[in-house]
Amino acid sequence: MDRRLLYSEKRIADEVQRLAKEISSSYAGEELLMVVVLKGAFFFAADLARQVQLPLTLDFIKLSSYSGMESTGRVTIAKDLETSIAGKHVLVVEDIIDTGLTLAFLLERLWEREPKSLKVCTLIDKQGRRRVEVTADYVGIACKGGFLVGYGLDLDEKMRELSQIYEFIQ
């Protein structure tokens, strides 16, 4: 098993900076609640939050749907939000949108909590395996396929710490 570099630290940093500017502009004059999907989006969200030029708060939710390199098709909440999102501008921060199952599940649950607005920011939008139609409002990199690791993306909790994003090759 090997890996091939797809996105360098510079490319990732450039995308984070661009997304932060877009988000800051979209929510100018507003407060923002970033809902970070653990564990993968932690690295991305930390870099993004430091560059967004808005008053913001963070909360975290942990969802589970993968076993190894495949989605189980079943999503569960392992850790829920600690903050009420009712009446707030909420931005879900994801590391990657793949099948769409996890994000669709999350958005449905969050809309039930009556936010003022609900948008999605993802670093990687991998549409090739989409099983449920979901669309991110802010997309860093559109990616065709492959299993990705690094910069928070993992294979069974390994390789998150890599500073660049690689395609994992079996």
Protein backbone atom coordinates (compact mmCIF):
# COMPACT_ATOMS: atom_id res chain seq x y z
CA MET A 1 0.00 0.00 0.00
CA ASP A 2 1.33 3.39 -1.03
CA ARG A 3 0.23 6.98 -1.44
CA ARG A 4 0.59 9.67 -4.10
CA LEU A 5 0.70 13.42 -3.35
CA LEU A 6 -2.39 15.23 -4.62
CA TYR A 7 -2.48 18.58 -2.79
CA SER A 8 0.53 20.38 -1.30
CA GLU A 9 0.60 22.46 1.88
CA LYS A 10 0.64 25.60 -0.27
CA ARG A 11 -2.39 24.53 -2.30
CA ILE A 12 -4.30 23.73 0.90
CA ALA A 13 -3.29 27.06 2.49
CA ASP A 14 -4.34 28.98 -0.63
CA GLU A 15 -7.75 27.28 -0.64
CA VAL A 16 -8.27 27.95 3.08
CA GLN A 17 -7.40 31.62 2.57
CA ARG A 18 -9.79 31.94 -0.39
CA LEU A 19 -12.61 30.24 1.50
CA ALA A 20 -12.07 32.44 4.56
CA LYS A 21 -12.39 35.56 2.39
CA GLU A 22 -15.60 34.27 0.77
CA ILE A 23 -17.13 33.37 4.13
CA SER A 24 -16.10 36.68 5.71
CA SER A 25 -17.71 38.54 2.82
CA SER A 26 -20.91 36.46 2.85
CA TYR A 27 -21.49 36.95 6.57
CA ALA A 28 -20.18 40.53 6.89
CA GLY A 29 -21.72 42.21 9.94
CA GLU A 30 -23.03 38.92 11.33
CA GLU A 31 -21.91 36.46 13.98
CA LEU A 32 -21.22 32.93 12.83
CA LEU A 33 -21.37 29.55 14.53
CA MET A 34 -19.01 27.04 12.93
CA VAL A 35 -20.12 23.45 13.45
CA VAL A 36 -17.03 21.34 12.95
CA VAL A 37 -17.49 17.70 11.98
CA LEU A 38 -14.98 15.65 13.97
CA LYS A 39 -12.46 14.32 13.66
CA GLY A 40 -11.40 14.95 10.09
CA ALA A 41 -12.43 18.60 9.75
CA PHE A 42 -10.55 19.66 12.89
CA PHE A 43 -7.33 20.63 11.06
CA PHE A 44 -9.18 22.48 8.29
CA ALA A 45 -11.54 24.23 10.70
CA ALA A 46 -8.70 25.46 12.91
CA ASP A 47 -6.91 27.02 9.94
CA LEU A 48 -10.16 28.42 8.52
CA ALA A 49 -11.37 29.92 11.82
CA ARG A 50 -8.10 31.80 12.29
CA GLN A 51 -8.56 33.50 8.91
CA VAL A 52 -12.28 34.27 8.95
CA GLN A 53 -12.69 37.96 9.76
CA LEU A 54 -15.90 37.69 11.77
CA PRO A 55 -16.97 37.17 15.36
CA LEU A 56 -17.46 33.43 15.55
CA THR A 57 -17.99 30.57 17.93
CA LEU A 58 -17.20 26.92 17.43
CA ASP A 59 -18.99 23.74 18.34
CA PHE A 60 -18.24 20.17 17.42
CA ILE A 61 -20.24 17.16 16.31
CA LYS A 62 -18.88 13.68 15.71
CA LEU A 63 -20.53 11.41 13.18
CA SER A 64 -19.60 7.93 12.16
CA SER A 65 -20.25 6.17 8.86
CA TYR A 66 -16.99 4.59 7.71
CA SER A 67 -15.30 1.28 8.30
CA GLY A 68 -11.89 1.23 6.68
CA MET A 69 -12.13 2.72 3.20
CA GLU A 70 -15.87 2.15 2.68
CA SER A 71 -18.99 3.90 3.92
CA THR A 72 -21.24 1.61 5.93
CA GLY A 73 -24.28 3.53 4.64
CA ARG A 74 -25.39 4.03 8.25
CA VAL A 75 -24.70 7.31 10.05
CA THR A 76 -24.67 7.70 13.82
CA ILE A 77 -24.02 10.68 16.10
CA ALA A 78 -21.17 9.85 18.46
CA LYS A 79 -20.95 13.37 19.98
CA ASP A 80 -23.68 15.99 19.67
CA LEU A 81 -23.47 19.78 19.78
CA GLU A 82 -23.29 21.50 23.14
CA THR A 83 -24.72 24.80 21.83
CA SER A 84 -28.21 25.66 20.66
CA ILE A 85 -28.17 26.68 17.01
CA ALA A 86 -31.71 28.15 16.99
CA GLY A 87 -31.76 31.56 15.32
CA LYS A 88 -28.03 31.50 14.48
CA HIS A 89 -26.09 31.60 11.24
CA VAL A 90 -24.54 28.13 11.12
CA LEU A 91 -21.69 27.02 8.90
CA VAL A 92 -20.99 23.28 8.85
CA VAL A 93 -17.28 22.68 8.29
CA GLU A 94 -16.45 19.34 6.67
CA ASP A 95 -13.15 17.88 5.55
CA ILE A 96 -14.63 15.96 2.62
CA ILE A 97 -17.99 15.28 1.01
CA ASP A 98 -17.91 11.82 -0.54
CA THR A 99 -21.09 9.75 -0.78
CA GLY A 100 -23.14 12.61 0.71
CA LEU A 101 -24.84 10.28 3.20
CA THR A 102 -23.18 11.77 6.29
CA LEU A 103 -23.78 15.37 5.28
CA ALA A 104 -27.41 14.76 4.26
CA PHE A 105 -28.04 13.11 7.64
CA LEU A 106 -26.40 16.02 9.48
CA LEU A 107 -28.19 18.78 7.57
CA GLU A 108 -31.57 17.16 8.17
CA ARG A 109 -30.88 17.00 11.93
CA LEU A 110 -29.58 20.59 12.04
CA TRP A 111 -32.54 22.09 10.14
CA GLU A 112 -34.81 20.57 12.81
CA ARG A 113 -33.03 22.82 15.35
CA GLU A 114 -34.18 25.99 13.51
CA PRO A 115 -31.01 27.88 12.63
CA LYS A 116 -31.36 31.32 11.02
CA SER A 117 -29.28 30.01 8.11
CA LEU A 118 -27.40 26.80 7.41
CA LYS A 119 -24.53 26.52 4.93
CA VAL A 120 -21.73 24.06 4.28
CA CYS A 121 -18.02 24.59 3.73
CA THR A 122 -15.88 21.64 2.65
CA LEU A 123 -12.23 21.43 1.82
CA ILE A 124 -12.70 18.50 -0.59
CA ASP A 125 -15.78 17.85 -2.72
CA LYS A 126 -15.46 14.36 -4.19
CA GLN A 127 -18.51 13.94 -6.42
CA GLY A 128 -17.57 10.69 -8.15
CA ARG A 129 -19.08 8.48 -5.41
CA ARG A 130 -22.07 10.65 -4.49
CA ARG A 131 -25.09 8.56 -3.47
CA VAL A 132 -27.20 11.41 -2.07
CA GLU A 133 -27.39 14.82 -3.71
CA VAL A 134 -25.89 17.42 -1.39
CA THR A 135 -24.19 20.65 -2.35
CA ALA A 136 -21.63 22.66 -0.42
CA ASP A 137 -21.91 26.45 -0.42
CA TYR A 138 -18.14 26.86 -0.14
CA VAL A 139 -15.81 24.34 -1.81
CA GLY A 140 -12.05 24.30 -1.58
CA ILE A 141 -11.06 21.58 -4.04
CA ALA A 142 -13.23 19.54 -6.40
CA CYS A 143 -11.75 16.06 -6.59
CA LYS A 144 -12.69 13.24 -8.95
CA GLY A 145 -11.93 10.21 -6.84
CA GLY A 146 -9.57 8.08 -4.86
CA PHE A 147 -9.28 7.48 -1.14
CA LEU A 148 -7.60 10.52 0.44
CA VAL A 149 -5.45 10.78 3.56
CA GLY A 150 -3.65 13.63 5.32
CA TYR A 151 -4.59 17.07 6.69
CA GLY A 152 -7.24 15.45 8.87
CA LEU A 153 -8.38 12.79 6.40
CA ASP A 154 -7.66 9.31 7.72
CA LEU A 155 -7.66 5.61 7.16
CA ASP A 156 -8.81 3.98 10.40
CA GLU A 157 -7.54 6.97 12.45
CA LYS A 158 -4.09 6.91 10.80
CA MET A 159 -2.35 9.50 8.61
CA ARG A 160 -4.44 12.50 9.78
CA GLU A 161 -1.23 14.26 10.86
CA LEU A 162 0.23 14.47 7.34
CA SER A 163 0.49 18.12 6.29
CA GLN A 164 -0.41 17.42 2.66
CA ILE A 165 -3.22 15.41 1.07
CA TYR A 166 -2.43 12.12 -0.60
CA GLU A 167 -4.35 9.56 -2.59
CA PHE A 168 -4.05 6.22 -0.86
CA ILE A 169 -3.13 3.47 -3.33
CA GLN A 170 -3.80 -0.18 -2.50
